Protein backbone atom coordinates (compact mmCIF):
# COMPACT_ATOMS: atom_id res chain seq x y z
CA MET A 1 3.87 9.34 -48.23
CA ARG A 2 0.36 7.52 -47.07
CA TYR A 3 2.70 5.52 -44.69
CA LEU A 4 3.64 8.83 -42.89
CA ARG A 5 -0.07 10.06 -42.38
CA PHE A 6 -0.74 6.95 -40.46
CA SER A 7 2.75 6.67 -38.39
CA LEU A 8 1.48 9.41 -35.58
CA PRO A 9 -1.78 7.57 -34.82
CA ILE A 10 -0.38 4.35 -34.97
CA VAL A 11 2.16 5.95 -32.23
CA LEU A 12 -0.19 7.17 -30.35
CA ALA A 13 -2.04 3.84 -29.93
CA VAL A 14 0.86 2.31 -28.78
CA ALA A 15 1.21 4.59 -26.54
CA PHE A 16 -2.11 4.22 -24.89
CA ALA A 17 -1.89 0.64 -25.15
CA GLY A 18 0.89 0.20 -23.10
CA THR A 19 -0.21 2.46 -20.26
CA LEU A 20 -3.40 0.50 -19.97
CA PHE A 21 -1.02 -2.39 -19.80
CA GLY A 22 0.71 -0.73 -17.13
CA ALA A 23 -2.13 0.46 -15.38
CA ALA A 24 -3.90 -2.95 -15.28
CA THR A 25 -4.17 -4.75 -11.23
CA PRO A 26 -3.57 -8.43 -11.91
CA ALA A 27 -6.52 -10.74 -10.11
CA HIS A 28 -4.98 -12.92 -7.33
CA ALA A 29 -6.10 -14.63 -4.76
CA ASP A 30 -4.76 -13.53 -1.11
CA THR A 31 -1.88 -14.96 0.74
CA TYR A 32 -3.10 -16.20 4.55
CA SER A 33 -0.78 -16.96 7.71
CA ILE A 34 -3.18 -19.40 10.21
CA VAL A 35 -2.01 -18.83 13.62
CA ALA A 36 -3.63 -20.45 16.64
CA LEU A 37 -4.25 -17.77 19.16
CA THR A 38 -5.86 -19.19 22.85
CA ILE A 39 -7.52 -21.86 24.12
CA ASP A 40 -11.63 -21.61 24.17
CA ASN A 41 -12.40 -20.62 27.55
CA LYS A 42 -11.91 -16.82 26.60
CA SER A 43 -14.34 -14.93 24.79
CA PHE A 44 -13.81 -12.63 21.63
CA TYR A 45 -13.86 -8.90 23.11
CA GLY A 46 -12.37 -6.85 19.88
CA MET A 47 -10.52 -6.60 16.87
CA ASP A 48 -8.85 -3.45 15.03
CA ASP A 49 -7.19 -3.38 11.44
CA ALA A 50 -4.21 -2.89 12.60
CA GLY A 51 -3.90 -6.75 13.93
CA ASN A 52 -4.97 -6.18 17.54
CA VAL A 53 -7.18 -8.83 18.78
CA VAL A 54 -8.63 -8.66 21.90
CA PHE A 55 -10.10 -11.84 24.36
CA ASP A 56 -12.10 -11.48 27.65
CA ALA A 57 -9.99 -13.84 29.76
CA SER A 58 -12.10 -13.25 33.31
CA GLY A 59 -12.55 -17.02 33.23
CA LEU A 60 -8.46 -17.54 34.03
CA CYS A 61 -7.80 -14.71 36.21
CA SER A 62 -9.31 -13.90 40.18
CA GLN A 63 -10.23 -10.72 38.56
CA THR A 64 -11.64 -9.30 34.83
CA CYS A 65 -8.55 -9.23 32.56
CA TYR A 66 -8.08 -9.03 29.00
CA ASP A 67 -5.40 -10.63 26.82
CA THR A 68 -4.15 -8.76 23.52
CA PHE A 69 -2.68 -10.47 20.50
CA LEU A 70 -0.79 -8.53 17.54
CA ASN A 71 -0.72 -10.02 14.57
CA GLY A 72 -0.97 -13.40 16.43
CA VAL A 73 1.60 -12.96 18.92
CA SER A 74 0.49 -12.30 22.43
CA THR A 75 0.98 -8.77 24.14
CA GLY A 76 0.38 -9.52 27.49
CA ILE A 77 -2.69 -9.72 30.11
CA THR A 78 -4.42 -6.40 31.49
CA SER A 79 -6.89 -5.55 33.72
CA THR A 80 -8.69 -2.92 31.96
CA ALA A 81 -10.43 -3.25 29.00
CA PRO A 82 -8.19 -1.91 25.90
CA VAL A 83 -9.73 1.02 23.64
CA PHE A 84 -8.96 0.48 20.03
CA ALA A 85 -10.43 1.82 17.20
CA TRP A 86 -12.52 -1.25 16.51
CA ASP A 87 -13.44 -2.11 12.86
CA TYR A 88 -14.68 -5.40 12.48
CA ILE A 89 -18.02 -7.65 11.72
CA ALA A 90 -18.83 -10.54 13.51
CA ALA A 91 -21.65 -13.31 13.34
CA PRO A 92 -22.41 -16.54 15.75
CA CYS A 93 -21.88 -19.66 13.98
CA SER A 94 -22.39 -22.06 16.09
CA TYR A 95 -23.55 -24.39 13.04
CA PRO A 96 -22.90 -23.84 9.40
CA PRO A 97 -23.16 -22.37 7.16
CA CYS A 98 -22.41 -18.78 8.05
CA SER A 99 -20.50 -15.94 6.47
CA VAL A 100 -19.39 -12.69 7.07
CA THR A 101 -18.38 -9.76 4.76
CA LYS A 102 -16.40 -6.76 5.13
CA ASN A 103 -14.51 -3.91 2.51
CA GLY A 104 -15.21 -6.41 -0.24
CA THR A 105 -14.04 -9.51 1.65
CA THR A 106 -16.35 -12.22 2.47
CA ALA A 107 -15.51 -15.24 4.90
CA MET A 108 -17.81 -17.99 5.13
CA VAL A 109 -18.06 -21.17 6.82
CA SER A 110 -19.79 -24.19 4.93
CA LEU A 111 -20.48 -28.22 5.97
CA GLU A 112 -19.20 -30.69 3.75
CA SER A 113 -21.58 -33.31 2.45
CA ASP A 114 -20.00 -35.77 5.07
CA GLY A 115 -21.30 -33.59 7.55
CA LEU A 116 -18.68 -34.07 9.63
CA THR A 117 -15.77 -31.17 8.84
CA GLN A 118 -16.56 -27.62 7.84
CA ASP A 119 -14.92 -25.34 5.47
CA LEU A 120 -13.37 -21.70 5.91
CA ASP A 121 -13.34 -20.40 2.56
CA VAL A 122 -12.50 -16.65 1.48
CA ILE A 123 -13.69 -14.87 -1.35
CA ALA A 124 -11.67 -11.55 -1.65
CA GLY A 125 -13.39 -9.32 -4.56
CA ALA A 126 -14.04 -11.72 -7.60
CA SER A 127 -12.00 -14.14 -7.10
CA PRO A 128 -13.29 -17.71 -6.41
CA ALA A 129 -13.35 -19.21 -2.94
CA GLN A 130 -10.24 -20.69 -1.55
CA LEU A 131 -10.03 -23.33 1.34
CA LEU A 132 -8.32 -21.39 4.31
CA PHE A 133 -8.54 -23.88 6.50
CA ARG A 134 -11.04 -27.20 7.44
CA PRO A 135 -11.88 -26.83 11.25
CA LEU A 136 -14.23 -29.38 13.11
CA GLY A 137 -16.87 -27.64 14.67
CA ILE A 138 -17.06 -24.22 15.08
CA THR A 139 -18.87 -23.23 17.90
CA ASN A 140 -18.70 -19.45 18.82
CA LEU A 141 -17.92 -16.52 16.35
CA LEU A 142 -16.79 -15.43 12.83
CA VAL A 143 -15.06 -12.26 12.75
CA LEU A 144 -13.65 -10.65 9.91
CA ASN A 145 -11.78 -6.87 10.11
CA GLY A 146 -11.24 -4.06 7.64
CA ALA A 147 -7.49 -5.62 6.41
CA GLY A 148 -9.56 -9.16 5.87
CA ASN A 149 -7.91 -10.76 8.83
CA ILE A 150 -10.61 -13.48 10.32
CA ILE A 151 -10.84 -14.62 13.44
CA PHE A 152 -12.61 -18.13 14.24
CA ASP A 153 -12.88 -20.73 16.72
CA ASP A 154 -12.17 -24.89 16.14
CA GLY A 155 -14.71 -25.94 18.91
CA ALA A 156 -13.21 -29.73 18.45
CA ARG A 157 -9.84 -28.22 19.20
CA ASP A 158 -10.73 -26.02 21.84
CA GLU A 159 -9.07 -23.35 20.27
CA TRP A 160 -8.99 -19.54 18.36
CA TYR A 161 -7.58 -19.28 15.43
CA GLU A 162 -6.52 -16.13 13.51
CA ALA A 163 -6.19 -16.12 9.49
CA ILE A 164 -3.84 -13.32 8.83
CA ASP A 165 -4.02 -11.96 5.62
CA THR A 166 -0.36 -11.06 4.43
CA SER A 167 -0.81 -10.53 0.55
CA VAL A 168 0.07 -6.55 -0.57
CA ALA A 169 -1.66 -5.69 -4.19
CA THR A 170 0.60 -4.25 -6.59
CA THR A 171 -0.53 -1.41 -7.88
CA PRO A 172 1.58 0.32 -10.48
CA GLU A 173 2.86 3.98 -9.24
CA PRO A 174 1.69 6.93 -11.18
CA SER A 175 5.30 7.73 -12.13
CA SER A 176 5.73 4.40 -13.54
CA LEU A 177 3.27 5.01 -15.35
CA LEU A 178 4.50 8.04 -16.52
CA LEU A 179 7.69 6.20 -17.36
CA LEU A 180 6.08 3.78 -19.38
CA ALA A 181 3.97 6.38 -21.31
CA THR A 182 7.10 8.98 -21.96
CA GLY A 183 9.31 5.78 -23.23
CA VAL A 184 6.40 4.37 -25.64
CA LEU A 185 6.14 7.88 -27.06
CA ALA A 186 10.07 8.82 -27.26
CA PHE A 187 10.56 5.72 -28.86
CA GLY A 188 7.71 6.32 -31.38
CA ALA A 189 9.13 9.73 -32.11
CA PHE A 190 12.78 8.14 -32.70
CA ALA A 191 11.18 6.06 -35.42
CA PHE A 192 9.11 8.39 -36.90
CA ALA A 193 12.07 10.58 -37.35
CA ARG A 194 13.92 7.95 -38.72
CA LEU A 195 11.24 6.86 -41.15
CA ARG A 196 10.78 10.43 -42.40
CA GLN A 197 14.66 10.89 -42.56
CA ALA A 198 15.19 8.08 -44.73
CA LEU A 199 11.90 9.14 -46.91
CA ALA A 200 13.69 12.41 -47.64
């Protein structure tokens, strides 16, 4: 009878532990795809969370013009300035160290000990920094948008680059958690009924 008295609390504890296990979001390093956007005689104009990046390309046109990229692919040059819901933070980065932080993500450029190469690192949340790229000299801006995408220029290669965050955080859905908790409780109830029947 003493065993029966403690069976229900044990079942509830197992159900609670199972729910917590299902709700836990594992820490992970983000995955980035780095693409070359354009030669460096264009200047950065703006960036939004949807993946639109705009450069002022007036140096290449007979009049003012703008070159737009969407997720690393050019969508064409226009003579009127595109209007997006800009959402980014930018900092001059003519010489490291320099960094920008937005929505819990920090992009930073640090100088290597040899004084020649530089490291572009990213810290997402509490994750350790991960090396994304080794530019030979940033001479303009370091830009980060709310989605975690990074724009930077490599002065030695005379090129603008975009590091596109391609990771998707895995967060359990409420329905999955409910299914897990219900299954654990049902199993516990079944085991309790069988034990009670055997002792009767």
